[in-house]
Protein backbone atom coordinates (compact mmCIF):
# COMPACT_ATOMS: atom_id res chain seq x y z
CA UNK A 1 0.12 0.15 0.29
CA UNK A 2 1.10 3.38 -0.77
CA UNK A 3 -0.08 6.35 1.93
CA UNK A 4 -0.48 10.43 1.59
CA UNK A 5 0.19 12.12 4.84
CA UNK A 6 -1.42 15.12 5.28
CA UNK A 7 -1.21 16.69 8.75
CA UNK A 8 -2.11 20.13 10.62
CA UNK A 9 -3.86 21.64 7.33
CA UNK A 10 -5.16 24.39 9.79
CA UNK A 11 -8.19 25.46 7.73
CA UNK A 12 -5.02 26.44 4.62
CA UNK A 13 -7.18 25.54 1.81
CA UNK A 14 -4.60 27.11 -0.65
CA UNK A 15 -1.90 24.71 1.29
CA UNK A 16 -4.74 21.26 1.01
CA UNK A 17 -5.22 22.23 -2.32
CA UNK A 18 -1.95 22.08 -3.84
CA UNK A 19 -0.34 19.40 -1.91
CA UNK A 20 -3.75 16.91 -3.60
CA UNK A 21 -2.74 18.48 -6.89
CA UNK A 22 0.92 17.29 -6.59
CA UNK A 23 0.23 14.27 -4.78
CA UNK A 24 0.58 10.85 -6.86
CA UNK A 25 0.23 7.42 -7.33
CA UNK A 26 -1.16 6.35 -3.57
CA UNK A 27 -3.64 4.05 -3.04
CA UNK A 28 -5.46 5.93 0.75
CA UNK A 29 -4.79 8.99 2.88
CA UNK A 30 -4.25 9.49 6.29
CA UNK A 31 -4.59 12.09 8.13
CA UNK A 32 -3.58 13.04 11.56
CA UNK A 33 -5.53 15.66 13.09
CA UNK A 34 -5.63 19.25 12.98
CA UNK A 35 -8.13 20.09 10.21
CA UNK A 36 -8.66 23.57 11.30
CA UNK A 37 -7.59 26.35 13.91
CA UNK A 38 -5.32 29.47 12.49
CA UNK A 39 -6.44 30.09 8.65
CA UNK A 40 -10.08 31.19 7.41
CA UNK A 41 -11.08 28.40 5.29
CA UNK A 42 -12.27 25.68 7.83
CA UNK A 43 -15.64 24.48 6.43
CA UNK A 44 -14.11 24.06 2.55
CA UNK A 45 -10.69 22.30 4.88
CA UNK A 46 -12.87 19.22 6.15
CA UNK A 47 -15.98 19.32 2.97
CA UNK A 48 -12.33 18.32 1.06
CA UNK A 49 -11.60 15.87 3.30
CA UNK A 50 -14.13 14.51 3.76
CA UNK A 51 -14.43 14.22 0.28
CA UNK A 52 -11.13 12.08 0.13
CA UNK A 53 -10.84 8.32 -0.25
CA UNK A 54 -9.33 8.29 3.79
CA UNK A 55 -7.78 5.13 5.14
CA UNK A 56 -7.26 6.71 8.83
CA UNK A 57 -8.11 9.31 10.19
CA UNK A 58 -7.75 10.96 14.07
CA UNK A 59 -8.65 14.18 15.58
CA UNK A 60 -5.53 17.04 16.99
CA UNK A 61 -6.13 19.72 19.75
CA UNK A 62 -7.15 22.47 17.26
CA UNK A 63 -10.14 20.47 16.37
CA UNK A 64 -11.44 19.11 20.40
CA UNK A 65 -11.25 22.30 20.56
CA UNK A 66 -13.31 23.64 17.49
CA UNK A 67 -15.61 21.36 18.26
CA UNK A 68 -16.19 21.53 21.92
CA UNK A 69 -14.82 18.23 22.65
CA UNK A 70 -12.47 20.44 25.32
CA UNK A 71 -12.10 24.01 26.35
CA UNK A 72 -9.68 26.42 24.97
CA UNK A 73 -7.38 26.17 28.04
CA UNK A 74 -4.06 25.42 27.65
CA UNK A 75 -4.12 27.46 23.76
CA UNK A 76 -1.96 30.47 23.94
CA UNK A 77 -3.59 33.92 23.32
CA UNK A 78 -3.12 34.22 19.27
CA UNK A 79 -4.46 30.31 18.99
CA UNK A 80 -7.32 30.53 21.54
CA UNK A 81 -8.51 34.21 19.24
CA UNK A 82 -8.30 32.12 15.87
CA UNK A 83 -9.90 28.63 17.55
CA UNK A 84 -12.86 30.59 18.94
CA UNK A 85 -13.60 32.38 15.67
CA UNK A 86 -13.57 29.06 13.77
CA UNK A 87 -16.08 27.43 16.69
CA UNK A 88 -19.01 30.67 15.59
CA UNK A 89 -17.99 29.86 11.30
CA UNK A 90 -18.32 26.00 11.57
CA UNK A 91 -21.13 24.77 10.38
CA UNK A 92 -22.70 22.52 12.70
CA UNK A 93 -22.36 19.65 10.31
CA UNK A 94 -18.85 19.77 10.27
CA UNK A 95 -18.97 20.85 14.06
CA UNK A 96 -20.28 17.29 14.60
CA UNK A 97 -18.05 15.54 12.11
CA UNK A 98 -14.86 17.07 13.92
CA UNK A 99 -16.03 16.00 17.25
CA UNK A 100 -16.47 12.48 16.13
CA UNK A 101 -12.83 12.05 15.09
CA UNK A 102 -11.30 9.53 16.64
CA UNK A 103 -8.44 9.98 19.01
CA UNK A 104 -5.33 8.54 18.35
CA UNK A 105 -2.93 6.61 18.15
CA UNK A 106 -4.65 3.84 15.44
CA UNK A 107 -3.08 1.05 14.55
CA UNK A 108 -2.91 1.04 10.55
CA UNK A 109 -1.76 -2.57 9.30
CA UNK A 110 1.51 -4.28 10.16
CA UNK A 111 4.00 -1.45 9.33
CA UNK A 112 2.87 1.89 10.09
CA UNK A 113 0.71 4.12 13.53
CA UNK A 114 -0.50 7.32 13.33
CA UNK A 115 -1.10 9.82 16.49
CA UNK A 116 -0.84 13.12 16.41
CA UNK A 117 1.32 14.24 19.68
CA UNK A 118 3.04 10.58 20.77
CA UNK A 119 1.11 7.25 20.62
CA UNK A 120 1.02 8.41 25.02
CA UNK A 121 -0.45 11.05 24.95
CA UNK A 122 -2.18 12.78 21.67
CA UNK A 123 -1.28 16.28 22.73
CA UNK A 124 2.83 15.00 23.96
CA UNK A 125 4.94 17.67 22.14
CA UNK A 126 8.46 15.97 20.80
CA UNK A 127 10.86 18.31 21.00
CA UNK A 128 14.14 16.29 21.05
CA UNK A 129 15.65 12.53 20.99
CA UNK A 130 14.54 11.55 24.75
CA UNK A 131 10.86 12.78 23.63
CA UNK A 132 10.99 10.49 20.84
CA UNK A 133 12.65 7.31 22.46
CA UNK A 134 9.16 7.55 24.81
CA UNK A 135 7.35 7.67 22.18
CA UNK A 136 8.64 5.38 20.00
CA UNK A 137 9.14 3.00 22.82
CA UNK A 138 5.09 3.09 23.32
CA UNK A 139 4.30 2.72 19.18
CA UNK A 140 3.51 -0.55 18.87
CA UNK A 141 4.26 -0.59 15.22
CA UNK A 142 7.61 -0.40 13.36
CA UNK A 143 6.30 3.43 12.31
CA UNK A 144 4.85 5.73 13.78
CA UNK A 145 3.70 8.99 11.69
CA UNK A 146 2.83 11.89 14.01
CA UNK A 147 2.23 15.76 13.84
CA UNK A 148 1.59 18.54 16.35
CA UNK A 149 5.26 20.19 16.16
CA UNK A 150 4.75 21.24 12.67
CA UNK A 151 8.29 20.79 11.48
CA UNK A 152 9.43 17.42 9.26
CA UNK A 153 11.74 15.15 11.25
CA UNK A 154 12.33 11.76 11.23
CA UNK A 155 13.83 9.48 14.32
CA UNK A 156 15.32 6.35 14.24
CA UNK A 157 15.68 3.66 16.78
CA UNK A 158 18.23 1.04 16.11
CA UNK A 159 20.19 -1.84 19.00
CA UNK A 160 16.21 -2.68 20.08
CA UNK A 161 16.70 -6.61 20.66
CA UNK A 162 13.90 -6.88 22.88
CA UNK A 163 9.98 -6.61 21.57
CA UNK A 164 8.04 -3.88 21.33
CA UNK A 165 7.58 -1.52 24.06
CA UNK A 166 10.40 -2.74 26.23
CA UNK A 167 13.64 -1.14 27.10
CA UNK A 168 17.27 -2.13 25.95
CA UNK A 169 20.63 -0.29 27.47
CA UNK A 170 21.92 -1.11 23.18
CA UNK A 171 18.97 1.11 21.61
CA UNK A 172 20.67 3.84 19.51
CA UNK A 173 18.27 7.34 19.42
CA UNK A 174 19.36 9.30 16.53
CA UNK A 175 17.77 12.33 14.08
CA UNK A 176 18.23 10.78 10.39
CA UNK A 177 16.33 13.87 8.84
CA UNK A 178 14.66 15.29 6.74
CA UNK A 179 17.18 17.58 5.85
CA UNK A 180 15.59 21.67 4.28
CA UNK A 181 14.64 20.52 0.73
CA UNK A 182 12.02 19.28 -1.42
CA UNK A 183 12.71 15.71 -0.98
CA UNK A 184 13.86 13.30 1.50
CA UNK A 185 13.71 9.98 1.51
CA UNK A 186 14.58 6.67 3.18
CA UNK A 187 14.15 2.59 3.47
CA UNK A 188 12.66 1.44 6.78
CA UNK A 189 15.03 -0.67 7.91
CA UNK A 190 14.03 -4.03 9.40
CA UNK A 191 15.93 -3.89 12.67
CA UNK A 192 14.99 -0.30 13.23
CA UNK A 193 12.10 1.53 14.37
CA UNK A 194 11.11 4.94 13.33
CA UNK A 195 9.07 8.28 14.48
CA UNK A 196 8.14 10.52 11.39
CA UNK A 197 7.05 13.59 11.62
CA UNK A 198 5.93 14.64 7.71
CA UNK A 199 5.14 18.16 8.48
CA UNK A 200 1.83 20.15 8.64
CA UNK A 201 0.36 20.91 5.41
CA UNK A 202 -0.68 24.46 5.79
CA UNK A 203 1.73 25.49 8.92
CA UNK A 204 4.81 24.87 8.35
CA UNK A 205 7.82 25.75 11.55
CA UNK A 206 10.20 24.92 10.32
CA UNK A 207 11.74 28.05 8.02
CA UNK A 208 10.04 26.70 4.55
CA UNK A 209 7.09 27.77 4.04
CA UNK A 210 6.37 25.46 1.38
CA UNK A 211 3.15 23.09 2.35
CA UNK A 212 4.79 19.24 3.52
CA UNK A 213 3.15 16.19 3.45
CA UNK A 214 4.11 12.54 2.90
CA UNK A 215 4.49 9.28 1.17
CA UNK A 216 5.10 6.05 2.31
CA UNK A 217 5.00 2.87 0.67
CA UNK A 218 4.85 -0.12 2.55
CA UNK A 219 5.76 -2.65 0.34
CA UNK A 220 8.79 -0.95 -0.95
CA UNK A 221 9.43 0.44 2.69
CA UNK A 222 9.83 4.03 1.94
CA UNK A 223 9.02 7.10 3.21
CA UNK A 224 9.25 10.59 1.42
CA UNK A 225 8.31 13.41 2.72
CA UNK A 226 7.81 16.37 0.35
CA UNK A 227 7.12 20.67 -0.03
CA UNK A 228 5.07 21.75 -2.27
CA UNK A 229 4.94 25.85 -3.63
CA UNK A 230 1.51 27.27 -2.81
CA UNK A 231 -0.37 30.61 -3.06
CA UNK A 232 0.74 31.86 0.38
CA UNK A 233 -0.89 35.51 -0.75
CA UNK A 234 -4.43 34.02 -0.73
CA UNK A 235 -4.57 32.49 2.36
CA UNK A 236 -3.45 35.60 3.96
CA UNK A 237 -6.11 37.72 2.49
CA UNK A 238 -8.44 35.52 3.57
CA UNK A 239 -7.12 35.50 7.07
CA UNK A 240 -6.92 39.21 7.21
CA UNK A 241 -10.04 39.95 5.96
CA UNK A 242 -12.33 37.46 8.41
CA UNK A 243 -10.38 39.22 11.13
CA UNK A 244 -8.39 37.27 12.69
CA UNK A 245 -5.07 37.99 13.89
CA UNK A 246 -2.51 39.28 11.70
CA UNK A 247 0.24 37.69 12.70
CA UNK A 248 -0.83 34.15 11.41
CA UNK A 249 -0.64 35.62 8.18
CA UNK A 250 2.24 37.00 8.33
CA UNK A 251 3.91 34.03 10.01
CA UNK A 252 2.67 31.71 6.76
CA UNK A 253 5.49 33.55 4.82
CA UNK A 254 8.45 32.35 6.93
CA UNK A 255 7.09 29.50 7.83
CA UNK A 256 7.12 30.49 11.43
């Protein structure tokens, strides 16, 4: 199977459409949460994703809050303003659909598991190798795909001779990529385990403003992360016209 991996679209319709136009040759889509929040097109993005051939989809923290599943207490001021606006414009149908999205992690097949933050906590951020090590050791599959940080990253754990979930003193955790560029690909080794963030479709924060997505081929045992240009100016204009905080428009141009 070949999967398209989408995460952190954040109501950015222009980035989503560019991604879907660029991605080809996949069998199904994995959506890792945060369809809404920050951007100006929550309903259009939800409608577009609902029309895709989705193999599996989980919720993100912005989806939960926008749909009223959780409160805004954990959000900073900018995120809070954006999600409160999102709540007011979501249709009742789309709000109910977001509220019903399942909680991660979700096992896809013998190779892949997906989560939003980490397998042990859907809202936890992976900031460094210690966070990554804990996340990998709590995963149930060799490749765990995650989002939430909006930063592409590939952590590889090798030297684990015991069963999944059991620590080993010989284990080595390392960040192997992706480097900053349009494309990065790696082979999934039989004796290693991986924690992979393919990046954010609609809100990149690694200094590269281009939309990010991934392709996972379980037959070839490869993972590829991709970047694609999109119409940032239109997405910015929509944010300003919606009355959302200006910084949400400005940050799209710098990928921060």
